[in-house]
């Protein structure tokens, strides 16, 4: 489970942001995770309490937004959700596509009190 290491890195990044900006309490952390990324949202949620224990973020709520894994068909140029369509373009059945979105993992918002 590499998610724990990633969450610990996120916590360090947010703590550094808080220090630089004089923030003493963070209410909510919002992460965006693409459905094609190597991060599993449930594992991120499970790791979060251990990663923030004893930090300025100990009482911080975590919110995760899952971003769709969209592709662009190389044959007909239709955009579609890769997972929902099992890798085949719903318009032409083509399997030659380029990923448009869904591999992201980023901090979207840090909501301070």
N, C-alpha and C. Protein backbone atom coordinates (compact mmCIF):
# COMPACT_ATOMS: atom_id res chain seq x y z
N UNK A 1 0.85 -1.18 0.00
CA UNK A 1 0.00 0.00 0.00
C UNK A 1 0.89 1.24 0.00
N UNK A 2 1.12 1.81 -1.17
CA UNK A 2 1.94 3.01 -1.27
C UNK A 2 1.16 4.27 -0.91
N UNK A 3 -0.13 4.13 -0.71
CA UNK A 3 -0.96 5.29 -0.37
C UNK A 3 -0.52 5.97 0.92
N UNK A 4 -0.08 5.20 1.92
CA UNK A 4 0.33 5.80 3.18
C UNK A 4 1.49 6.78 2.98
N UNK A 5 2.49 6.38 2.22
CA UNK A 5 3.60 7.28 1.94
C UNK A 5 3.17 8.53 1.20
N UNK A 6 2.25 8.37 0.27
CA UNK A 6 1.74 9.51 -0.49
C UNK A 6 0.97 10.45 0.43
N UNK A 7 0.14 9.88 1.30
CA UNK A 7 -0.65 10.72 2.22
C UNK A 7 0.27 11.45 3.19
N UNK A 8 1.31 10.79 3.66
CA UNK A 8 2.27 11.46 4.55
C UNK A 8 2.94 12.62 3.82
N UNK A 9 3.29 12.45 2.55
CA UNK A 9 3.85 13.56 1.76
C UNK A 9 2.86 14.70 1.61
N UNK A 10 1.59 14.38 1.40
CA UNK A 10 0.54 15.41 1.30
C UNK A 10 0.44 16.17 2.61
N UNK A 11 0.45 15.45 3.73
CA UNK A 11 0.36 16.09 5.04
C UNK A 11 1.55 17.04 5.23
N UNK A 12 2.75 16.63 4.87
CA UNK A 12 3.92 17.52 4.98
C UNK A 12 3.76 18.76 4.11
N UNK A 13 3.24 18.58 2.90
CA UNK A 13 3.02 19.71 2.00
C UNK A 13 2.02 20.69 2.59
N UNK A 14 0.92 20.17 3.13
CA UNK A 14 -0.12 21.03 3.71
C UNK A 14 0.39 21.71 4.97
N UNK A 15 1.16 20.99 5.79
CA UNK A 15 1.74 21.61 6.99
C UNK A 15 2.68 22.76 6.61
N UNK A 16 3.47 22.56 5.58
CA UNK A 16 4.37 23.62 5.11
C UNK A 16 3.57 24.83 4.63
N UNK A 17 2.51 24.58 3.89
CA UNK A 17 1.62 25.66 3.44
C UNK A 17 1.06 26.41 4.65
N UNK A 18 0.60 25.66 5.66
CA UNK A 18 0.02 26.28 6.86
C UNK A 18 1.06 27.14 7.57
N UNK A 19 2.26 26.62 7.73
CA UNK A 19 3.33 27.38 8.39
C UNK A 19 3.62 28.69 7.65
N UNK A 20 3.78 28.60 6.35
CA UNK A 20 4.12 29.78 5.54
C UNK A 20 3.01 30.83 5.54
N UNK A 21 1.77 30.39 5.76
CA UNK A 21 0.63 31.30 5.67
C UNK A 21 -0.01 31.60 7.02
N UNK A 22 0.63 31.20 8.10
CA UNK A 22 0.13 31.51 9.44
C UNK A 22 -1.18 30.81 9.78
N UNK A 23 -1.44 29.68 9.16
CA UNK A 23 -2.67 28.93 9.42
C UNK A 23 -2.40 27.97 10.58
N UNK A 24 -3.26 28.02 11.60
CA UNK A 24 -3.06 27.16 12.77
C UNK A 24 -4.02 25.98 12.81
N UNK A 25 -5.09 26.05 12.03
CA UNK A 25 -6.06 24.94 12.02
C UNK A 25 -6.63 24.80 10.62
N UNK A 26 -6.65 23.57 10.14
CA UNK A 26 -7.20 23.27 8.82
C UNK A 26 -8.46 22.45 9.01
N UNK A 27 -9.57 22.98 8.51
CA UNK A 27 -10.85 22.30 8.68
C UNK A 27 -10.99 21.12 7.72
N UNK A 28 -10.73 21.36 6.43
CA UNK A 28 -10.96 20.34 5.41
C UNK A 28 -9.86 20.36 4.36
N UNK A 29 -9.44 19.18 3.97
CA UNK A 29 -8.50 19.01 2.87
C UNK A 29 -9.24 18.31 1.75
N UNK A 30 -9.20 18.89 0.56
CA UNK A 30 -9.88 18.30 -0.59
C UNK A 30 -8.83 17.81 -1.58
N UNK A 31 -8.88 16.51 -1.87
CA UNK A 31 -7.99 15.91 -2.84
C UNK A 31 -8.78 15.52 -4.07
N UNK A 32 -8.15 15.63 -5.23
CA UNK A 32 -8.74 15.12 -6.47
C UNK A 32 -7.90 13.93 -6.91
N UNK A 33 -8.59 12.83 -7.16
CA UNK A 33 -7.92 11.60 -7.56
C UNK A 33 -8.58 11.09 -8.84
N UNK A 34 -7.80 10.93 -9.87
CA UNK A 34 -8.32 10.40 -11.13
C UNK A 34 -8.58 8.91 -11.03
N UNK A 35 -9.66 8.47 -11.67
CA UNK A 35 -10.01 7.05 -11.58
C UNK A 35 -9.04 6.16 -12.35
N UNK A 36 -8.13 6.73 -13.11
CA UNK A 36 -7.10 5.95 -13.80
C UNK A 36 -5.75 6.06 -13.09
N UNK A 37 -5.69 6.78 -11.98
CA UNK A 37 -4.43 6.94 -11.26
C UNK A 37 -4.14 5.66 -10.48
N UNK A 38 -2.95 5.60 -9.92
CA UNK A 38 -2.59 4.42 -9.13
C UNK A 38 -3.05 4.54 -7.68
N UNK A 39 -3.70 5.63 -7.34
CA UNK A 39 -4.19 5.83 -5.97
C UNK A 39 -5.61 5.29 -5.83
N UNK A 40 -5.86 4.61 -4.73
CA UNK A 40 -7.19 4.06 -4.46
C UNK A 40 -7.83 4.92 -3.37
N UNK A 41 -8.91 5.64 -3.70
CA UNK A 41 -9.51 6.56 -2.72
C UNK A 41 -9.81 5.93 -1.36
N UNK A 42 -10.31 4.72 -1.33
CA UNK A 42 -10.63 4.05 -0.05
C UNK A 42 -9.36 3.88 0.79
N UNK A 43 -8.25 3.54 0.16
CA UNK A 43 -7.00 3.38 0.90
C UNK A 43 -6.49 4.73 1.40
N UNK A 44 -6.67 5.77 0.60
CA UNK A 44 -6.29 7.13 1.03
C UNK A 44 -7.09 7.50 2.28
N UNK A 45 -8.40 7.25 2.25
CA UNK A 45 -9.26 7.53 3.40
C UNK A 45 -8.82 6.74 4.63
N UNK A 46 -8.48 5.47 4.42
CA UNK A 46 -8.07 4.61 5.54
C UNK A 46 -6.74 5.06 6.15
N UNK A 47 -5.82 5.56 5.34
CA UNK A 47 -4.50 5.99 5.81
C UNK A 47 -4.52 7.36 6.47
N UNK A 48 -5.47 8.18 6.09
CA UNK A 48 -5.47 9.58 6.51
C UNK A 48 -5.40 9.77 8.03
N UNK A 49 -6.22 9.07 8.83
CA UNK A 49 -6.14 9.30 10.29
C UNK A 49 -4.75 9.04 10.87
N UNK A 50 -4.08 8.00 10.41
CA UNK A 50 -2.74 7.70 10.92
C UNK A 50 -1.73 8.76 10.46
N UNK A 51 -1.89 9.25 9.25
CA UNK A 51 -0.95 10.23 8.71
C UNK A 51 -1.06 11.59 9.40
N UNK A 52 -2.25 11.96 9.87
CA UNK A 52 -2.43 13.27 10.49
C UNK A 52 -2.33 13.24 12.01
N UNK A 53 -2.27 12.05 12.59
CA UNK A 53 -2.19 11.92 14.05
C UNK A 53 -0.98 12.68 14.58
N UNK A 54 -1.21 13.55 15.55
CA UNK A 54 -0.13 14.30 16.16
C UNK A 54 0.34 15.50 15.36
N UNK A 55 -0.37 15.86 14.30
CA UNK A 55 0.00 17.01 13.48
C UNK A 55 -1.03 18.12 13.66
N UNK A 56 -0.75 19.27 13.05
CA UNK A 56 -1.70 20.38 13.06
C UNK A 56 -3.00 19.98 12.34
N UNK A 57 -2.95 18.90 11.58
CA UNK A 57 -4.11 18.44 10.81
C UNK A 57 -4.90 17.34 11.51
N UNK A 58 -4.64 17.10 12.79
CA UNK A 58 -5.26 15.98 13.50
C UNK A 58 -6.78 15.98 13.43
N UNK A 59 -7.40 17.15 13.39
CA UNK A 59 -8.86 17.24 13.34
C UNK A 59 -9.39 17.58 11.95
N UNK A 60 -8.54 17.52 10.97
CA UNK A 60 -8.91 17.88 9.60
C UNK A 60 -9.77 16.80 8.95
N UNK A 61 -10.82 17.25 8.28
CA UNK A 61 -11.66 16.33 7.51
C UNK A 61 -11.06 16.16 6.11
N UNK A 62 -11.19 14.98 5.57
CA UNK A 62 -10.71 14.70 4.23
C UNK A 62 -11.90 14.53 3.30
N UNK A 63 -11.83 15.22 2.17
CA UNK A 63 -12.85 15.04 1.13
C UNK A 63 -12.12 14.67 -0.16
N UNK A 64 -12.61 13.63 -0.81
CA UNK A 64 -11.99 13.17 -2.05
C UNK A 64 -12.98 13.33 -3.19
N UNK A 65 -12.51 13.94 -4.27
CA UNK A 65 -13.29 14.04 -5.49
C UNK A 65 -12.62 13.13 -6.52
N UNK A 66 -13.39 12.20 -7.05
CA UNK A 66 -12.85 11.28 -8.06
C UNK A 66 -13.12 11.89 -9.44
N UNK A 67 -12.04 12.04 -10.19
CA UNK A 67 -12.14 12.61 -11.54
C UNK A 67 -12.26 11.49 -12.56
N UNK A 68 -13.13 11.66 -13.54
CA UNK A 68 -13.35 10.59 -14.53
C UNK A 68 -12.14 10.33 -15.41
N UNK A 69 -12.01 9.08 -15.80
CA UNK A 69 -10.96 8.68 -16.72
C UNK A 69 -11.47 8.77 -18.14
N UNK A 70 -11.26 9.92 -18.75
CA UNK A 70 -11.78 10.16 -20.10
C UNK A 70 -10.68 10.00 -21.14
N UNK A 71 -11.10 9.52 -22.30
CA UNK A 71 -10.19 9.37 -23.42
C UNK A 71 -10.78 9.99 -24.67
N UNK A 72 -9.92 10.19 -25.65
CA UNK A 72 -10.34 10.73 -26.94
C UNK A 72 -10.05 9.66 -27.98
N UNK A 73 -11.08 9.24 -28.67
CA UNK A 73 -10.94 8.18 -29.66
C UNK A 73 -10.07 8.67 -30.83
N UNK A 74 -9.08 7.86 -31.18
CA UNK A 74 -8.20 8.19 -32.29
C UNK A 74 -8.85 7.98 -33.64
N UNK A 75 -9.95 7.24 -33.66
CA UNK A 75 -10.61 6.94 -34.93
C UNK A 75 -11.69 7.97 -35.27
N UNK A 76 -12.56 8.29 -34.28
CA UNK A 76 -13.68 9.19 -34.57
C UNK A 76 -13.65 10.49 -33.78
N UNK A 77 -12.65 10.66 -32.90
CA UNK A 77 -12.46 11.88 -32.10
C UNK A 77 -13.55 12.13 -31.07
N UNK A 78 -14.27 11.09 -30.66
CA UNK A 78 -15.27 11.24 -29.61
C UNK A 78 -14.59 11.10 -28.25
N UNK A 79 -14.96 11.97 -27.31
CA UNK A 79 -14.49 11.85 -25.93
C UNK A 79 -15.43 10.91 -25.20
N UNK A 80 -14.85 10.04 -24.36
CA UNK A 80 -15.68 9.07 -23.64
C UNK A 80 -14.97 8.62 -22.37
N UNK A 81 -15.74 8.03 -21.44
CA UNK A 81 -15.18 7.49 -20.21
C UNK A 81 -14.60 6.10 -20.52
N UNK A 82 -13.33 5.96 -20.30
CA UNK A 82 -12.62 4.73 -20.65
C UNK A 82 -13.11 3.54 -19.83
N UNK A 83 -13.24 3.71 -18.52
CA UNK A 83 -13.65 2.60 -17.67
C UNK A 83 -15.11 2.20 -17.89
N UNK A 84 -15.97 3.20 -17.97
CA UNK A 84 -17.40 2.91 -18.15
C UNK A 84 -17.66 2.19 -19.47
N UNK A 85 -16.80 2.41 -20.45
CA UNK A 85 -16.98 1.79 -21.76
C UNK A 85 -15.98 0.66 -22.03
N UNK A 86 -15.34 0.20 -20.94
CA UNK A 86 -14.40 -0.92 -21.01
C UNK A 86 -13.34 -0.75 -22.09
N UNK A 87 -12.88 0.49 -22.26
CA UNK A 87 -11.80 0.78 -23.19
C UNK A 87 -12.17 0.89 -24.65
N UNK A 88 -13.45 0.78 -24.95
CA UNK A 88 -13.89 0.87 -26.35
C UNK A 88 -14.74 2.13 -26.55
N UNK A 89 -14.49 2.84 -27.62
CA UNK A 89 -15.27 4.03 -27.93
C UNK A 89 -16.73 3.62 -28.14
N UNK A 90 -17.66 4.29 -27.45
CA UNK A 90 -19.06 3.92 -27.61
C UNK A 90 -19.63 4.31 -28.98
N UNK A 91 -18.96 5.21 -29.68
CA UNK A 91 -19.46 5.65 -30.98
C UNK A 91 -19.03 4.72 -32.11
N UNK A 92 -17.76 4.29 -32.07
CA UNK A 92 -17.26 3.50 -33.21
C UNK A 92 -16.63 2.17 -32.81
N UNK A 93 -16.49 1.94 -31.51
CA UNK A 93 -15.88 0.70 -31.04
C UNK A 93 -14.37 0.70 -31.06
N UNK A 94 -13.77 1.80 -31.47
CA UNK A 94 -12.33 1.90 -31.55
C UNK A 94 -11.65 1.77 -30.19
N UNK A 95 -10.47 1.19 -30.19
CA UNK A 95 -9.70 1.02 -28.95
C UNK A 95 -8.38 1.78 -29.00
N UNK A 96 -8.25 2.63 -29.97
CA UNK A 96 -7.07 3.49 -30.10
C UNK A 96 -7.47 4.86 -29.57
N UNK A 97 -7.10 5.15 -28.33
CA UNK A 97 -7.51 6.40 -27.72
C UNK A 97 -6.35 7.03 -26.95
N UNK A 98 -6.52 8.31 -26.68
CA UNK A 98 -5.56 9.08 -25.91
C UNK A 98 -6.24 9.50 -24.61
N UNK A 99 -5.54 9.38 -23.49
CA UNK A 99 -6.11 9.77 -22.20
C UNK A 99 -6.20 11.29 -22.13
N UNK A 100 -7.40 11.78 -21.79
CA UNK A 100 -7.61 13.21 -21.60
C UNK A 100 -7.53 13.58 -20.12
N UNK A 101 -8.07 12.72 -19.28
CA UNK A 101 -8.08 12.99 -17.84
C UNK A 101 -8.26 11.68 -17.08
N UNK A 102 -7.94 11.74 -15.79
CA UNK A 102 -8.17 10.58 -14.95
C UNK A 102 -6.93 10.05 -14.27
N UNK A 103 -5.76 10.61 -14.56
CA UNK A 103 -4.53 10.14 -13.92
C UNK A 103 -4.07 11.12 -12.82
N UNK A 104 -4.89 12.12 -12.54
CA UNK A 104 -4.52 13.16 -11.59
C UNK A 104 -4.49 12.65 -10.15
N UNK A 105 -3.65 13.30 -9.38
CA UNK A 105 -3.66 13.20 -7.92
C UNK A 105 -3.16 14.55 -7.44
N UNK A 106 -4.06 15.35 -6.88
CA UNK A 106 -3.65 16.69 -6.48
C UNK A 106 -4.46 17.22 -5.30
N UNK A 107 -3.84 18.18 -4.65
CA UNK A 107 -4.53 18.90 -3.59
C UNK A 107 -5.36 19.98 -4.28
N UNK A 108 -6.66 19.90 -4.10
CA UNK A 108 -7.54 20.90 -4.73
C UNK A 108 -7.74 22.10 -3.81
N UNK A 109 -8.04 21.83 -2.54
CA UNK A 109 -8.34 22.92 -1.60
C UNK A 109 -7.83 22.60 -0.22
N UNK A 110 -7.41 23.63 0.47
CA UNK A 110 -7.07 23.57 1.89
C UNK A 110 -7.97 24.60 2.54
N UNK A 111 -8.96 24.13 3.26
CA UNK A 111 -9.93 25.04 3.89
C UNK A 111 -9.57 25.25 5.34
N UNK A 112 -9.14 26.46 5.67
CA UNK A 112 -8.72 26.78 7.02
C UNK A 112 -9.87 27.36 7.81
N UNK A 113 -9.76 27.27 9.12
CA UNK A 113 -10.79 27.84 10.00
C UNK A 113 -10.43 29.27 10.35
